[in-house]
Amino acid sequence: MGRFLGVLLGAFFPPLGVWMVTGFRVEFWINLVLTLLFYVPGQIHALWVVAHTRTDGRRARDGMSTFLALLLGLFLPPLGVLWKFGLFSLAFWLNLLLTALFWFPGSIHALWLITAED
């Protein structure tokens, strides 16, 4: 649940998501500037930091794969779920339906699925 909250905050309030994972370290200040100047790069940086940092503060082993899935899950939710679970999973088809009907719930569902596996 902690990682999902960090991803959710990183997606919609980027500096809070980075702060939750790293505290007031240099990553937080970089993200704050990116978010104040350009919101979308702040989101991308926040997802990068959250994907590459484990809940215990160490570097994640599968950070790049998780980052790509989170990035896709935020902007194109079914593709993020497809990246992690494949075409023949119930999660993909449910996410496709949620995204087709209501984009926002599809995005939240994708972020939840991607972080719940870790």
C-alpha atoms as a PDB file:
ATOM      1  CA  MET A   1       0.000   0.000   0.000  1.00  0.00           C
ATOM      2  CA  GLY A   2       2.878   2.393   0.742  1.00  0.00           C
ATOM      3  CA  ARG A   3       4.370   2.108  -2.727  1.00  0.00           C
ATOM      4  CA  PHE A   4       0.967   2.564  -4.381  1.00  0.00           C
ATOM      5  CA  LEU A   5       0.393   5.722  -2.355  1.00  0.00           C
ATOM      6  CA  GLY A   6       3.818   7.010  -3.409  1.00  0.00           C
ATOM      7  CA  VAL A   7       2.996   6.304  -7.053  1.00  0.00           C
ATOM      8  CA  LEU A   8      -0.453   7.872  -6.774  1.00  0.00           C
ATOM      9  CA  LEU A   9       0.923  11.006  -5.152  1.00  0.00           C
ATOM     10  CA  GLY A  10       3.803  11.045  -7.647  1.00  0.00           C
ATOM     11  CA  ALA A  11       1.368  10.899 -10.528  1.00  0.00           C
ATOM     12  CA  PHE A  12      -0.924  13.704  -9.383  1.00  0.00           C
ATOM     13  CA  PHE A  13       1.133  15.711  -6.823  1.00  0.00           C
ATOM     14  CA  PRO A  14       4.694  14.840  -7.893  1.00  0.00           C
ATOM     15  CA  PRO A  15       6.756  16.459  -5.092  1.00  0.00           C
ATOM     16  CA  LEU A  16       4.658  14.715  -2.418  1.00  0.00           C
ATOM     17  CA  GLY A  17       5.275  11.320  -4.000  1.00  0.00           C
ATOM     18  CA  VAL A  18       9.025  11.926  -4.134  1.00  0.00           C
ATOM     19  CA  TRP A  19       9.063  13.276  -0.582  1.00  0.00           C
ATOM     20  CA  MET A  20       7.219  10.199   0.645  1.00  0.00           C
ATOM     21  CA  VAL A  21       9.915   7.938  -0.823  1.00  0.00           C
ATOM     22  CA  THR A  22      13.107   9.968  -0.284  1.00  0.00           C
ATOM     23  CA  GLY A  23      12.339  12.698   2.216  1.00  0.00           C
ATOM     24  CA  PHE A  24      13.915  16.126   1.727  1.00  0.00           C
ATOM     25  CA  ARG A  25      16.838  14.840  -0.321  1.00  0.00           C
ATOM     26  CA  VAL A  26      18.073  16.258  -3.617  1.00  0.00           C
ATOM     27  CA  GLU A  27      15.489  14.265  -5.608  1.00  0.00           C
ATOM     28  CA  PHE A  28      12.692  16.126  -3.843  1.00  0.00           C
ATOM     29  CA  TRP A  29      14.109  19.551  -4.685  1.00  0.00           C
ATOM     30  CA  ILE A  30      14.729  18.600  -8.325  1.00  0.00           C
ATOM     31  CA  ASN A  31      11.162  17.364  -8.566  1.00  0.00           C
ATOM     32  CA  LEU A  32       9.769  20.494  -6.938  1.00  0.00           C
ATOM     33  CA  VAL A  33      11.502  22.700  -9.521  1.00  0.00           C
ATOM     34  CA  LEU A  34      10.447  20.431 -12.412  1.00  0.00           C
ATOM     35  CA  THR A  35       6.849  20.412 -11.229  1.00  0.00           C
ATOM     36  CA  LEU A  36       6.680  24.163 -10.701  1.00  0.00           C
ATOM     37  CA  LEU A  37       8.168  24.879 -14.121  1.00  0.00           C
ATOM     38  CA  PHE A  38       6.739  21.984 -16.137  1.00  0.00           C
ATOM     39  CA  TYR A  39       4.128  19.697 -14.594  1.00  0.00           C
ATOM     40  CA  VAL A  40       4.463  16.621 -16.854  1.00  0.00           C
ATOM     41  CA  PRO A  41       8.280  16.340 -16.486  1.00  0.00           C
ATOM     42  CA  GLY A  42       7.673  16.542 -12.722  1.00  0.00           C
ATOM     43  CA  GLN A  43       5.274  13.588 -13.010  1.00  0.00           C
ATOM     44  CA  ILE A  44       7.751  11.575 -15.063  1.00  0.00           C
ATOM     45  CA  HIS A  45      10.592  12.307 -12.639  1.00  0.00           C
ATOM     46  CA  ALA A  46       8.400  11.346  -9.671  1.00  0.00           C
ATOM     47  CA  LEU A  47       7.499   8.016 -11.275  1.00  0.00           C
ATOM     48  CA  TRP A  48      11.198   7.448 -12.042  1.00  0.00           C
ATOM     49  CA  VAL A  49      12.189   8.053  -8.409  1.00  0.00           C
ATOM     50  CA  VAL A  50       9.370   5.923  -6.977  1.00  0.00           C
ATOM     51  CA  ALA A  51      10.032   3.073  -9.436  1.00  0.00           C
ATOM     52  CA  HIS A  52      13.754   3.029  -8.705  1.00  0.00           C
ATOM     53  CA  THR A  53      13.445   3.238  -4.903  1.00  0.00           C
ATOM     54  CA  ARG A  54      12.199   0.345  -2.789  1.00  0.00           C
ATOM     55  CA  THR A  55      10.095   0.867   0.307  1.00  0.00           C
ATOM     56  CA  ASP A  56      13.157   0.319   2.515  1.00  0.00           C
ATOM     57  CA  GLY A  57      15.057   3.086   0.692  1.00  0.00           C
ATOM     58  CA  ARG A  58      17.381   0.860  -1.331  1.00  0.00           C
ATOM     59  CA  ARG A  59      17.588   0.878  -5.108  1.00  0.00           C
ATOM     60  CA  ALA A  60      15.026  -1.349  -6.870  1.00  0.00           C
ATOM     61  CA  ARG A  61      16.342  -4.187  -9.031  1.00  0.00           C
ATOM     62  CA  ASP A  62      13.613  -3.943 -11.689  1.00  0.00           C
ATOM     63  CA  GLY A  63      13.310  -0.154 -11.665  1.00  0.00           C
ATOM     64  CA  MET A  64      13.371   0.444 -15.411  1.00  0.00           C
ATOM     65  CA  SER A  65      10.678  -2.126 -16.172  1.00  0.00           C
ATOM     66  CA  THR A  66       8.491  -0.800 -13.368  1.00  0.00           C
ATOM     67  CA  PHE A  67       9.078   2.785 -14.486  1.00  0.00           C
ATOM     68  CA  LEU A  68       7.986   2.008 -18.054  1.00  0.00           C
ATOM     69  CA  ALA A  69       4.901   0.170 -16.810  1.00  0.00           C
ATOM     70  CA  LEU A  70       3.997   3.062 -14.486  1.00  0.00           C
ATOM     71  CA  LEU A  71       4.520   5.639 -17.210  1.00  0.00           C
ATOM     72  CA  LEU A  72       2.319   3.701 -19.598  1.00  0.00           C
ATOM     73  CA  GLY A  73      -0.169   3.025 -16.795  1.00  0.00           C
ATOM     74  CA  LEU A  74      -0.522   6.726 -16.080  1.00  0.00           C
ATOM     75  CA  PHE A  75      -0.942   7.982 -19.642  1.00  0.00           C
ATOM     76  CA  LEU A  76      -2.213   4.866 -21.517  1.00  0.00           C
ATOM     77  CA  PRO A  77      -3.505   2.556 -18.740  1.00  0.00           C
ATOM     78  CA  PRO A  78      -4.196  -0.636 -20.735  1.00  0.00           C
ATOM     79  CA  LEU A  79      -0.672  -0.584 -22.199  1.00  0.00           C
ATOM     80  CA  GLY A  80       0.864  -0.420 -18.710  1.00  0.00           C
ATOM     81  CA  VAL A  81      -1.164  -3.431 -17.610  1.00  0.00           C
ATOM     82  CA  LEU A  82      -0.347  -5.211 -20.869  1.00  0.00           C
ATOM     83  CA  TRP A  83       3.374  -4.563 -20.242  1.00  0.00           C
ATOM     84  CA  LYS A  84       3.219  -6.222 -16.813  1.00  0.00           C
ATOM     85  CA  PHE A  85       0.578  -8.940 -17.208  1.00  0.00           C
ATOM     86  CA  GLY A  86       0.212  -9.770 -20.886  1.00  0.00           C
ATOM     87  CA  LEU A  87      -2.664  -9.904 -23.343  1.00  0.00           C
ATOM     88  CA  PHE A  88      -4.446 -12.960 -21.961  1.00  0.00           C
ATOM     89  CA  SER A  89      -4.873 -11.740 -18.394  1.00  0.00           C
ATOM     90  CA  LEU A  90      -8.163 -10.752 -16.830  1.00  0.00           C
ATOM     91  CA  ALA A  91      -6.449  -7.655 -15.418  1.00  0.00           C
ATOM     92  CA  PHE A  92      -5.729  -6.345 -18.926  1.00  0.00           C
ATOM     93  CA  TRP A  93      -9.292  -6.786 -20.179  1.00  0.00           C
ATOM     94  CA  LEU A  94     -10.796  -5.279 -17.024  1.00  0.00           C
ATOM     95  CA  ASN A  95      -8.463  -2.316 -17.312  1.00  0.00           C
ATOM     96  CA  LEU A  96      -9.325  -1.888 -20.976  1.00  0.00           C
ATOM     97  CA  LEU A  97     -13.013  -1.747 -20.053  1.00  0.00           C
ATOM     98  CA  LEU A  98     -12.422   0.698 -17.176  1.00  0.00           C
ATOM     99  CA  THR A  99     -10.338   2.942 -19.404  1.00  0.00           C
ATOM    100  CA  ALA A 100     -12.835   2.842 -22.263  1.00  0.00           C
ATOM    101  CA  LEU A 101     -15.698   3.790 -19.958  1.00  0.00           C
ATOM    102  CA  PHE A 102     -13.868   6.106 -17.574  1.00  0.00           C
ATOM    103  CA  TRP A 103     -10.209   6.982 -18.175  1.00  0.00           C
ATOM    104  CA  PHE A 104      -9.393   8.049 -14.595  1.00  0.00           C
ATOM    105  CA  PRO A 105     -10.488   4.777 -12.890  1.00  0.00           C
ATOM    106  CA  GLY A 106      -8.589   2.874 -15.572  1.00  0.00           C
ATOM    107  CA  SER A 107      -5.440   4.812 -14.722  1.00  0.00           C
ATOM    108  CA  ILE A 108      -5.837   4.257 -10.963  1.00  0.00           C
ATOM    109  CA  HIS A 109      -6.506   0.556 -11.580  1.00  0.00           C
ATOM    110  CA  ALA A 110      -3.388   0.262 -13.750  1.00  0.00           C
ATOM    111  CA  LEU A 111      -1.168   1.963 -11.156  1.00  0.00           C
ATOM    112  CA  TRP A 112      -2.616  -0.267  -8.431  1.00  0.00           C
ATOM    113  CA  LEU A 113      -1.975  -3.456 -10.411  1.00  0.00           C
ATOM    114  CA  ILE A 114       1.568  -2.457 -11.349  1.00  0.00           C
ATOM    115  CA  THR A 115       2.561  -1.653  -7.771  1.00  0.00           C
ATOM    116  CA  ALA A 116       0.622  -4.502  -6.120  1.00  0.00           C
ATOM    117  CA  GLU A 117       2.802  -7.134  -7.778  1.00  0.00           C
ATOM    118  CA  ASP A 118       6.008  -5.758  -6.239  1.00  0.00           C
END
